[in-house]
Amino acid sequence: MAQSKDRRPPKRKHTPRRVERPMMADSGNRESTGQEAAYLKSLIDSRTMIVVVLTTGEQLRGHVRYYDRDCFSLGPADGGPKLFLRKSSIRYMYEEDEPLEA
């Protein structure tokens, strides 16, 4: 009897597995209109003074220097160090009446 020299196991069909990945909270946000980015850009361009009220109740006064999807940078009005604030830590913000003088 002749012996087979090929001892590899028989080939199986490859079936791709479906991997479930959790969605990020903001990735499915369909109500985003882009208005937040436009508003923050207008605050940067005009150097408008704003008051930011944090979820802790603390109030910060300054102007927006930079922003992205999750945070923005505030240049404090009192000349202190620049701050990076997470948007999730902000309760609300509003504009002051007088713009910052350059």
PDB file of N, CA and C in Angstrom:
ATOM      1  N   MET A   1       0.827  -1.169   0.000  1.00  0.00           N
ATOM      2  CA  MET A   1       0.000   0.000   0.000  1.00  0.00           C
ATOM      3  C   MET A   1       0.883   1.249   0.000  1.00  0.00           C
ATOM      4  N   ALA A   2       0.468   2.209  -0.745  1.00  0.00           N
ATOM      5  CA  ALA A   2       1.213   3.450  -0.832  1.00  0.00           C
ATOM      6  C   ALA A   2       0.703   4.420   0.231  1.00  0.00           C
ATOM      7  N   GLN A   3       1.641   5.032   0.926  1.00  0.00           N
ATOM      8  CA  GLN A   3       1.255   5.997   1.956  1.00  0.00           C
ATOM      9  C   GLN A   3       1.272   7.396   1.361  1.00  0.00           C
ATOM     10  N   SER A   4       0.333   8.194   1.822  1.00  0.00           N
ATOM     11  CA  SER A   4       0.256   9.575   1.357  1.00  0.00           C
ATOM     12  C   SER A   4       1.309  10.405   2.082  1.00  0.00           C
ATOM     13  N   LYS A   5       2.074  11.183   1.338  1.00  0.00           N
ATOM     14  CA  LYS A   5       3.096  12.033   1.938  1.00  0.00           C
ATOM     15  C   LYS A   5       2.507  13.354   2.419  1.00  0.00           C
ATOM     16  N   ASP A   6       1.341  13.711   1.965  1.00  0.00           N
ATOM     17  CA  ASP A   6       0.702  14.975   2.348  1.00  0.00           C
ATOM     18  C   ASP A   6      -0.100  14.746   3.627  1.00  0.00           C
ATOM     19  N   ARG A   7       0.404  15.254   4.734  1.00  0.00           N
ATOM     20  CA  ARG A   7      -0.272  15.043   6.011  1.00  0.00           C
ATOM     21  C   ARG A   7      -0.923  16.319   6.533  1.00  0.00           C
ATOM     22  N   ARG A   8      -1.127  17.265   5.709  1.00  0.00           N
ATOM     23  CA  ARG A   8      -1.801  18.496   6.130  1.00  0.00           C
ATOM     24  C   ARG A   8      -3.282  18.229   6.341  1.00  0.00           C
ATOM     25  N   PRO A   9      -3.874  18.928   7.306  1.00  0.00           N
ATOM     26  CA  PRO A   9      -5.311  18.752   7.498  1.00  0.00           C
ATOM     27  C   PRO A   9      -6.074  19.311   6.303  1.00  0.00           C
ATOM     28  N   PRO A  10      -7.252  18.824   6.058  1.00  0.00           N
ATOM     29  CA  PRO A  10      -8.035  19.341   4.922  1.00  0.00           C
ATOM     30  C   PRO A  10      -8.354  20.825   5.123  1.00  0.00           C
ATOM     31  N   LYS A  11      -8.400  21.542   4.020  1.00  0.00           N
ATOM     32  CA  LYS A  11      -8.690  22.970   4.088  1.00  0.00           C
ATOM     33  C   LYS A  11     -10.130  23.200   4.491  1.00  0.00           C
ATOM     34  N   ARG A  12     -10.303  24.197   5.384  1.00  0.00           N
ATOM     35  CA  ARG A  12     -11.653  24.585   5.781  1.00  0.00           C
ATOM     36  C   ARG A  12     -11.991  25.913   5.135  1.00  0.00           C
ATOM     37  N   LYS A  13     -13.248  26.100   4.888  1.00  0.00           N
ATOM     38  CA  LYS A  13     -13.701  27.378   4.345  1.00  0.00           C
ATOM     39  C   LYS A  13     -13.553  28.449   5.417  1.00  0.00           C
ATOM     40  N   HIS A  14     -13.017  29.594   5.038  1.00  0.00           N
ATOM     41  CA  HIS A  14     -12.879  30.706   5.978  1.00  0.00           C
ATOM     42  C   HIS A  14     -14.177  31.508   5.993  1.00  0.00           C
ATOM     43  N   THR A  15     -14.762  31.604   7.144  1.00  0.00           N
ATOM     44  CA  THR A  15     -15.958  32.431   7.291  1.00  0.00           C
ATOM     45  C   THR A  15     -15.605  33.592   8.215  1.00  0.00           C
ATOM     46  N   PRO A  16     -15.699  34.817   7.736  1.00  0.00           N
ATOM     47  CA  PRO A  16     -15.338  35.969   8.570  1.00  0.00           C
ATOM     48  C   PRO A  16     -16.275  36.079   9.767  1.00  0.00           C
ATOM     49  N   ARG A  17     -15.688  36.390  10.915  1.00  0.00           N
ATOM     50  CA  ARG A  17     -16.497  36.581  12.112  1.00  0.00           C
ATOM     51  C   ARG A  17     -16.916  38.039  12.201  1.00  0.00           C
ATOM     52  N   ARG A  18     -18.103  38.248  12.646  1.00  0.00           N
ATOM     53  CA  ARG A  18     -18.600  39.600  12.849  1.00  0.00           C
ATOM     54  C   ARG A  18     -18.237  40.022  14.260  1.00  0.00           C
ATOM     55  N   VAL A  19     -17.507  41.113  14.374  1.00  0.00           N
ATOM     56  CA  VAL A  19     -17.072  41.599  15.670  1.00  0.00           C
ATOM     57  C   VAL A  19     -17.921  42.806  16.031  1.00  0.00           C
ATOM     58  N   GLU A  20     -18.557  42.720  17.180  1.00  0.00           N
ATOM     59  CA  GLU A  20     -19.368  43.842  17.654  1.00  0.00           C
ATOM     60  C   GLU A  20     -18.456  44.818  18.392  1.00  0.00           C
ATOM     61  N   ARG A  21     -18.489  46.074  18.013  1.00  0.00           N
ATOM     62  CA  ARG A  21     -17.708  47.097  18.681  1.00  0.00           C
ATOM     63  C   ARG A  21     -18.649  48.114  19.283  1.00  0.00           C
ATOM     64  N   PRO A  22     -18.362  48.530  20.510  1.00  0.00           N
ATOM     65  CA  PRO A  22     -19.237  49.542  21.116  1.00  0.00           C
ATOM     66  C   PRO A  22     -19.103  50.864  20.379  1.00  0.00           C
ATOM     67  N   MET A  23     -20.195  51.554  20.228  1.00  0.00           N
ATOM     68  CA  MET A  23     -20.204  52.852  19.562  1.00  0.00           C
ATOM     69  C   MET A  23     -19.791  53.923  20.551  1.00  0.00           C
ATOM     70  N   MET A  24     -19.051  54.912  20.084  1.00  0.00           N
ATOM     71  CA  MET A  24     -18.720  56.049  20.934  1.00  0.00           C
ATOM     72  C   MET A  24     -19.965  56.903  21.059  1.00  0.00           C
ATOM     73  N   ALA A  25     -20.060  57.631  22.139  1.00  0.00           N
ATOM     74  CA  ALA A  25     -21.259  58.415  22.421  1.00  0.00           C
ATOM     75  C   ALA A  25     -21.557  59.435  21.318  1.00  0.00           C
ATOM     76  N   ASP A  26     -20.527  60.116  20.809  1.00  0.00           N
ATOM     77  CA  ASP A  26     -20.752  61.177  19.828  1.00  0.00           C
ATOM     78  C   ASP A  26     -20.781  60.680  18.389  1.00  0.00           C
ATOM     79  N   SER A  27     -20.352  59.429  18.135  1.00  0.00           N
ATOM     80  CA  SER A  27     -20.243  58.994  16.751  1.00  0.00           C
ATOM     81  C   SER A  27     -21.607  58.841  16.075  1.00  0.00           C
ATOM     82  N   GLY A  28     -22.648  58.610  16.833  1.00  0.00           N
ATOM     83  CA  GLY A  28     -23.967  58.455  16.243  1.00  0.00           C
ATOM     84  C   GLY A  28     -24.832  59.691  16.369  1.00  0.00           C
ATOM     85  N   ASN A  29     -24.222  60.814  16.708  1.00  0.00           N
ATOM     86  CA  ASN A  29     -24.986  62.038  16.900  1.00  0.00           C
ATOM     87  C   ASN A  29     -25.442  62.568  15.547  1.00  0.00           C
ATOM     88  N   ARG A  30     -26.690  62.386  15.240  1.00  0.00           N
ATOM     89  CA  ARG A  30     -27.202  62.816  13.933  1.00  0.00           C
ATOM     90  C   ARG A  30     -27.808  64.204  13.978  1.00  0.00           C
ATOM     91  N   GLU A  31     -27.861  64.796  15.169  1.00  0.00           N
ATOM     92  CA  GLU A  31     -28.444  66.123  15.288  1.00  0.00           C
ATOM     93  C   GLU A  31     -27.399  67.224  15.154  1.00  0.00           C
ATOM     94  N   SER A  32     -26.141  66.868  14.908  1.00  0.00           N
ATOM     95  CA  SER A  32     -25.081  67.848  14.778  1.00  0.00           C
ATOM     96  C   SER A  32     -25.275  68.613  13.459  1.00  0.00           C
ATOM     97  N   THR A  33     -25.296  69.932  13.572  1.00  0.00           N
ATOM     98  CA  THR A  33     -25.503  70.764  12.385  1.00  0.00           C
ATOM     99  C   THR A  33     -24.251  71.534  11.991  1.00  0.00           C
ATOM    100  N   GLY A  34     -23.201  71.451  12.820  1.00  0.00           N
ATOM    101  CA  GLY A  34     -22.001  72.215  12.543  1.00  0.00           C
ATOM    102  C   GLY A  34     -22.068  73.633  13.079  1.00  0.00           C
ATOM    103  N   GLN A  35     -23.158  73.981  13.710  1.00  0.00           N
ATOM    104  CA  GLN A  35     -23.315  75.340  14.214  1.00  0.00           C
ATOM    105  C   GLN A  35     -22.413  75.620  15.410  1.00  0.00           C
ATOM    106  N   GLU A  36     -22.129  74.587  16.206  1.00  0.00           N
ATOM    107  CA  GLU A  36     -21.243  74.790  17.353  1.00  0.00           C
ATOM    108  C   GLU A  36     -19.859  75.223  16.876  1.00  0.00           C
ATOM    109  N   ALA A  37     -19.328  74.555  15.871  1.00  0.00           N
ATOM    110  CA  ALA A  37     -18.011  74.903  15.342  1.00  0.00           C
ATOM    111  C   ALA A  37     -18.014  76.311  14.750  1.00  0.00           C
ATOM    112  N   ALA A  38     -19.064  76.655  14.040  1.00  0.00           N
ATOM    113  CA  ALA A  38     -19.157  77.986  13.441  1.00  0.00           C
ATOM    114  C   ALA A  38     -19.224  79.060  14.527  1.00  0.00           C
ATOM    115  N   TYR A  39     -19.967  78.782  15.589  1.00  0.00           N
ATOM    116  CA  TYR A  39     -20.092  79.743  16.687  1.00  0.00           C
ATOM    117  C   TYR A  39     -18.746  79.923  17.404  1.00  0.00           C
ATOM    118  N   LEU A  40     -18.066  78.823  17.712  1.00  0.00           N
ATOM    119  CA  LEU A  40     -16.776  78.927  18.387  1.00  0.00           C
ATOM    120  C   LEU A  40     -15.755  79.641  17.511  1.00  0.00           C
ATOM    121  N   LYS A  41     -15.790  79.392  16.213  1.00  0.00           N
ATOM    122  CA  LYS A  41     -14.882  80.091  15.295  1.00  0.00           C
ATOM    123  C   LYS A  41     -15.162  81.592  15.299  1.00  0.00           C
ATOM    124  N   SER A  42     -16.436  81.977  15.337  1.00  0.00           N
ATOM    125  CA  SER A  42     -16.769  83.406  15.375  1.00  0.00           C
ATOM    126  C   SER A  42     -16.296  84.040  16.687  1.00  0.00           C
ATOM    127  N   LEU A  43     -16.336  83.271  17.792  1.00  0.00           N
ATOM    128  CA  LEU A  43     -15.833  83.795  19.066  1.00  0.00           C
ATOM    129  C   LEU A  43     -14.318  84.002  19.011  1.00  0.00           C
ATOM    130  N   ILE A  44     -13.614  83.101  18.346  1.00  0.00           N
ATOM    131  CA  ILE A  44     -12.162  83.244  18.203  1.00  0.00           C
ATOM    132  C   ILE A  44     -11.837  84.460  17.352  1.00  0.00           C
ATOM    133  N   ASP A  45     -12.505  84.586  16.212  1.00  0.00           N
ATOM    134  CA  ASP A  45     -12.219  85.679  15.282  1.00  0.00           C
ATOM    135  C   ASP A  45     -12.511  87.046  15.887  1.00  0.00           C
ATOM    136  N   SER A  46     -13.583  87.155  16.658  1.00  0.00           N
ATOM    137  CA  SER A  46     -13.968  88.443  17.222  1.00  0.00           C
ATOM    138  C   SER A  46     -13.338  88.699  18.595  1.00  0.00           C
ATOM    139  N   ARG A  47     -12.663  87.664  19.157  1.00  0.00           N
ATOM    140  CA  ARG A  47     -12.077  87.755  20.499  1.00  0.00           C
ATOM    141  C   ARG A  47     -13.102  88.236  21.524  1.00  0.00           C
ATOM    142  N   THR A  48     -14.301  87.738  21.407  1.00  0.00           N
ATOM    143  CA  THR A  48     -15.392  88.081  22.311  1.00  0.00           C
ATOM    144  C   THR A  48     -15.143  87.470  23.682  1.00  0.00           C
ATOM    145  N   MET A  49     -15.326  88.259  24.712  1.00  0.00           N
ATOM    146  CA  MET A  49     -15.197  87.760  26.079  1.00  0.00           C
ATOM    147  C   MET A  49     -16.420  86.914  26.414  1.00  0.00           C
ATOM    148  N   ILE A  50     -16.162  85.761  27.013  1.00  0.00           N
ATOM    149  CA  ILE A  50     -17.248  84.875  27.417  1.00  0.00           C
ATOM    150  C   ILE A  50     -17.070  84.496  28.887  1.00  0.00           C
ATOM    151  N   VAL A  51     -18.155  84.049  29.472  1.00  0.00           N
ATOM    152  CA  VAL A  51     -18.140  83.483  30.817  1.00  0.00           C
ATOM    153  C   VAL A  51     -18.540  82.028  30.667  1.00  0.00           C
ATOM    154  N   VAL A  52     -17.692  81.136  31.178  1.00  0.00           N
ATOM    155  CA  VAL A  52     -17.949  79.700  31.117  1.00  0.00           C
ATOM    156  C   VAL A  52     -18.316  79.248  32.520  1.00  0.00           C
ATOM    157  N   VAL A  53     -19.478  78.615  32.655  1.00  0.00           N
ATOM    158  CA  VAL A  53     -19.912  78.080  33.941  1.00  0.00           C
ATOM    159  C   VAL A  53     -19.718  76.569  33.892  1.00  0.00           C
ATOM    160  N   LEU A  54     -18.864  76.073  34.775  1.00  0.00           N
ATOM    161  CA  LEU A  54     -18.561  74.644  34.816  1.00  0.00           C
ATOM    162  C   LEU A  54     -19.641  73.876  35.560  1.00  0.00           C
ATOM    163  N   THR A  55     -19.634  72.572  35.438  1.00  0.00           N
ATOM    164  CA  THR A  55     -20.629  71.743  36.132  1.00  0.00           C
ATOM    165  C   THR A  55     -20.479  71.849  37.641  1.00  0.00           C
ATOM    166  N   THR A  56     -19.310  72.276  38.119  1.00  0.00           N
ATOM    167  CA  THR A  56     -19.080  72.468  39.560  1.00  0.00           C
ATOM    168  C   THR A  56     -19.635  73.796  40.048  1.00  0.00           C
ATOM    169  N   GLY A  57     -20.051  74.670  39.128  1.00  0.00           N
ATOM    170  CA  GLY A  57     -20.568  75.984  39.492  1.00  0.00           C
ATOM    171  C   GLY A  57     -19.524  77.083  39.368  1.00  0.00           C
ATOM    172  N   GLU A  58     -18.265  76.716  39.189  1.00  0.00           N
ATOM    173  CA  GLU A  58     -17.197  77.701  39.047  1.00  0.00           C
ATOM    174  C   GLU A  58     -17.360  78.451  37.729  1.00  0.00           C
ATOM    175  N   GLN A  59     -17.070  79.767  37.753  1.00  0.00           N
ATOM    176  CA  GLN A  59     -17.183  80.591  36.551  1.00  0.00           C
ATOM    177  C   GLN A  59     -15.793  81.048  36.113  1.00  0.00           C
ATOM    178  N   LEU A  60     -15.524  80.934  34.816  1.00  0.00           N
ATOM    179  CA  LEU A  60     -14.260  81.374  34.231  1.00  0.00           C
ATOM    180  C   LEU A  60     -14.564  82.415  33.167  1.00  0.00           C
ATOM    181  N   ARG A  61     -13.765  83.463  33.123  1.00  0.00           N
ATOM    182  CA  ARG A  61     -13.985  84.551  32.172  1.00  0.00           C
ATOM    183  C   ARG A  61     -12.759  84.650  31.270  1.00  0.00           C
ATOM    184  N   GLY A  62     -12.968  84.752  29.966  1.00  0.00           N
ATOM    185  CA  GLY A  62     -11.863  84.876  29.036  1.00  0.00           C
ATOM    186  C   GLY A  62     -12.348  84.817  27.593  1.00  0.00           C
ATOM    187  N   HIS A  63     -11.432  84.461  26.692  1.00  0.00           N
ATOM    188  CA  HIS A  63     -11.797  84.353  25.277  1.00  0.00           C
ATOM    189  C   HIS A  63     -11.345  82.993  24.747  1.00  0.00           C
ATOM    190  N   VAL A  64     -12.064  82.495  23.760  1.00  0.00           N
ATOM    191  CA  VAL A  64     -11.770  81.193  23.167  1.00  0.00           C
ATOM    192  C   VAL A  64     -10.557  81.345  22.257  1.00  0.00           C
ATOM    193  N   ARG A  65      -9.561  80.472  22.448  1.00  0.00           N
ATOM    194  CA  ARG A  65      -8.350  80.516  21.644  1.00  0.00           C
ATOM    195  C   ARG A  65      -8.298  79.385  20.633  1.00  0.00           C
ATOM    196  N   TYR A  66      -8.882  78.228  20.973  1.00  0.00           N
ATOM    197  CA  TYR A  66      -8.785  77.012  20.157  1.00  0.00           C
ATOM    198  C   TYR A  66      -9.953  76.118  20.522  1.00  0.00           C
ATOM    199  N   TYR A  67     -10.386  75.273  19.572  1.00  0.00           N
ATOM    200  CA  TYR A  67     -11.423  74.301  19.888  1.00  0.00           C
ATOM    201  C   TYR A  67     -11.247  73.071  19.015  1.00  0.00           C
ATOM    202  N   ASP A  68     -11.768  71.958  19.493  1.00  0.00           N
ATOM    203  CA  ASP A  68     -11.902  70.754  18.687  1.00  0.00           C
ATOM    204  C   ASP A  68     -13.170  70.037  19.140  1.00  0.00           C
ATOM    205  N   ARG A  69     -13.297  68.786  18.791  1.00  0.00           N
ATOM    206  CA  ARG A  69     -14.543  68.073  19.066  1.00  0.00           C
ATOM    207  C   ARG A  69     -14.824  67.920  20.559  1.00  0.00           C
ATOM    208  N   ASP A  70     -13.787  67.733  21.384  1.00  0.00           N
ATOM    209  CA  ASP A  70     -13.989  67.417  22.794  1.00  0.00           C
ATOM    210  C   ASP A  70     -13.636  68.527  23.769  1.00  0.00           C
ATOM    211  N   CYS A  71     -12.851  69.503  23.353  1.00  0.00           N
ATOM    212  CA  CYS A  71     -12.426  70.528  24.300  1.00  0.00           C
ATOM    213  C   CYS A  71     -12.169  71.850  23.585  1.00  0.00           C
ATOM    214  N   PHE A  72     -11.919  72.884  24.380  1.00  0.00           N
ATOM    215  CA  PHE A  72     -11.456  74.141  23.810  1.00  0.00           C
ATOM    216  C   PHE A  72     -10.538  74.834  24.808  1.00  0.00           C
ATOM    217  N   SER A  73      -9.773  75.778  24.307  1.00  0.00           N
ATOM    218  CA  SER A  73      -8.807  76.501  25.118  1.00  0.00           C
ATOM    219  C   SER A  73      -9.358  77.883  25.422  1.00  0.00           C
ATOM    220  N   LEU A  74      -9.221  78.273  26.676  1.00  0.00           N
ATOM    221  CA  LEU A  74      -9.706  79.566  27.129  1.00  0.00           C
ATOM    222  C   LEU A  74      -8.517  80.399  27.575  1.00  0.00           C
ATOM    223  N   GLY A  75      -8.406  81.603  27.026  1.00  0.00           N
ATOM    224  CA  GLY A  75      -7.394  82.561  27.475  1.00  0.00           C
ATOM    225  C   GLY A  75      -8.036  83.427  28.532  1.00  0.00           C
ATOM    226  N   PRO A  76      -7.705  83.239  29.811  1.00  0.00           N
ATOM    227  CA  PRO A  76      -8.364  83.976  30.891  1.00  0.00           C
ATOM    228  C   PRO A  76      -8.188  85.484  30.776  1.00  0.00           C
ATOM    229  N   ALA A  77      -9.209  86.204  31.187  1.00  0.00           N
ATOM    230  CA  ALA A  77      -9.203  87.665  31.098  1.00  0.00           C
ATOM    231  C   ALA A  77      -8.199  88.275  32.067  1.00  0.00           C
ATOM    232  N   ASP A  78      -7.902  87.590  33.171  1.00  0.00           N
ATOM    233  CA  ASP A  78      -6.997  88.159  34.163  1.00  0.00           C
ATOM    234  C   ASP A  78      -5.531  87.922  33.827  1.00  0.00           C
ATOM    235  N   GLY A  79      -5.238  87.357  32.663  1.00  0.00           N
ATOM    236  CA  GLY A  79      -3.859  87.144  32.242  1.00  0.00           C
ATOM    237  C   GLY A  79      -3.235  85.894  32.825  1.00  0.00           C
ATOM    238  N   GLY A  80      -4.014  85.063  33.457  1.00  0.00           N
ATOM    239  CA  GLY A  80      -3.510  83.814  34.029  1.00  0.00           C
ATOM    240  C   GLY A  80      -3.140  82.822  32.932  1.00  0.00           C
ATOM    241  N   PRO A  81      -2.737  81.630  33.342  1.00  0.00           N
ATOM    242  CA  PRO A  81      -2.360  80.620  32.341  1.00  0.00           C
ATOM    243  C   PRO A  81      -3.551  80.183  31.501  1.00  0.00           C
ATOM    244  N   LYS A  82      -3.262  79.811  30.274  1.00  0.00           N
ATOM    245  CA  LYS A  82      -4.311  79.353  29.363  1.00  0.00           C
ATOM    246  C   LYS A  82      -4.853  78.020  29.854  1.00  0.00           C
ATOM    247  N   LEU A  83      -6.135  77.813  29.677  1.00  0.00           N
ATOM    248  CA  LEU A  83      -6.797  76.606  30.179  1.00  0.00           C
ATOM    249  C   LEU A  83      -7.354  75.779  29.035  1.00  0.00           C
ATOM    250  N   PHE A  84      -7.295  74.461  29.156  1.00  0.00           N
ATOM    251  CA  PHE A  84      -8.004  73.560  28.256  1.00  0.00           C
ATOM    252  C   PHE A  84      -9.185  73.011  29.029  1.00  0.00           C
ATOM    253  N   LEU A  85     -10.374  73.198  28.496  1.00  0.00           N
ATOM    254  CA  LEU A  85     -11.594  72.751  29.160  1.00  0.00           C
ATOM    255  C   LEU A  85     -12.269  71.678  28.325  1.00  0.00           C
ATOM    256  N   ARG A  86     -12.648  70.593  28.971  1.00  0.00           N
ATOM    257  CA  ARG A  86     -13.435  69.575  28.275  1.00  0.00           C
ATOM    258  C   ARG A  86     -14.868  70.075  28.159  1.00  0.00           C
ATOM    259  N   LYS A  87     -15.453  69.885  26.996  1.00  0.00           N
ATOM    260  CA  LYS A  87     -16.825  70.339  26.785  1.00  0.00           C
ATOM    261  C   LYS A  87     -17.794  69.632  27.722  1.00  0.00           C
ATOM    262  N   SER A  88     -17.469  68.402  28.109  1.00  0.00           N
ATOM    263  CA  SER A  88     -18.351  67.655  29.002  1.00  0.00           C
ATOM    264  C   SER A  88     -18.373  68.245  30.410  1.00  0.00           C
ATOM    265  N   SER A  89     -17.396  69.086  30.770  1.00  0.00           N
ATOM    266  CA  SER A  89     -17.357  69.679  32.107  1.00  0.00           C
ATOM    267  C   SER A  89     -18.016  71.058  32.151  1.00  0.00           C
ATOM    268  N   ILE A  90     -18.615  71.480  31.044  1.00  0.00           N
ATOM    269  CA  ILE A  90     -19.208  72.812  30.958  1.00  0.00           C
ATOM    270  C   ILE A  90     -20.724  72.715  31.057  1.00  0.00           C
ATOM    271  N   ARG A  91     -21.284  73.477  31.978  1.00  0.00           N
ATOM    272  CA  ARG A  91     -22.743  73.525  32.107  1.00  0.00           C
ATOM    273  C   ARG A  91     -23.316  74.436  31.029  1.00  0.00           C
ATOM    274  N   TYR A  92     -22.805  75.664  30.945  1.00  0.00           N
ATOM    275  CA  TYR A  92     -23.202  76.588  29.882  1.00  0.00           C
ATOM    276  C   TYR A  92     -22.190  77.710  29.810  1.00  0.00           C
ATOM    277  N   MET A  93     -22.297  78.516  28.757  1.00  0.00           N
ATOM    278  CA  MET A  93     -21.435  79.685  28.604  1.00  0.00           C
ATOM    279  C   MET A  93     -22.229  80.790  27.933  1.00  0.00           C
ATOM    280  N   TYR A  94     -21.810  82.016  28.174  1.00  0.00           N
ATOM    281  CA  TYR A  94     -22.497  83.146  27.561  1.00  0.00           C
ATOM    282  C   TYR A  94     -21.491  84.246  27.268  1.00  0.00           C
ATOM    283  N   GLU A  95     -21.864  85.120  26.343  1.00  0.00           N
ATOM    284  CA  GLU A  95     -20.996  86.229  25.935  1.00  0.00           C
ATOM    285  C   GLU A  95     -21.184  87.405  26.875  1.00  0.00           C
ATOM    286  N   GLU A  96     -20.082  88.097  27.148  1.00  0.00           N
ATOM    287  CA  GLU A  96     -20.183  89.348  27.884  1.00  0.00           C
ATOM    288  C   GLU A  96     -20.462  90.451  26.886  1.00  0.00           C
ATOM    289  N   ASP A  97     -20.932  91.575  27.384  1.00  0.00           N
ATOM    290  CA  ASP A  97     -21.345  92.648  26.489  1.00  0.00           C
ATOM    291  C   ASP A  97     -20.196  93.320  25.771  1.00  0.00           C
ATOM    292  N   GLU A  98     -19.047  93.477  26.412  1.00  0.00           N
ATOM    293  CA  GLU A  98     -17.951  94.216  25.813  1.00  0.00           C
ATOM    294  C   GLU A  98     -16.899  93.280  25.242  1.00  0.00           C
ATOM    295  N   PRO A  99     -16.475  93.472  23.962  1.00  0.00           N
ATOM    296  CA  PRO A  99     -15.431  92.630  23.390  1.00  0.00           C
ATOM    297  C   PRO A  99     -14.065  92.929  24.003  1.00  0.00           C
ATOM    298  N   LEU A 100     -13.167  91.951  23.945  1.00  0.00           N
ATOM    299  CA  LEU A 100     -11.820  92.116  24.469  1.00  0.00           C
ATOM    300  C   LEU A 100     -11.032  93.018  23.540  1.00  0.00           C
ATOM    301  N   GLU A 101     -10.357  93.999  24.111  1.00  0.00           N
ATOM    302  CA  GLU A 101      -9.565  94.931  23.309  1.00  0.00           C
ATOM    303  C   GLU A 101      -8.227  94.287  22.954  1.00  0.00           C
ATOM    304  N   ALA A 102      -7.811  94.394  21.704  1.00  0.00           N
ATOM    305  CA  ALA A 102      -6.548  93.779  21.265  1.00  0.00           C
ATOM    306  C   ALA A 102      -5.364  94.661  21.524  1.00  0.00           C
TER     307      ALA A 102
END
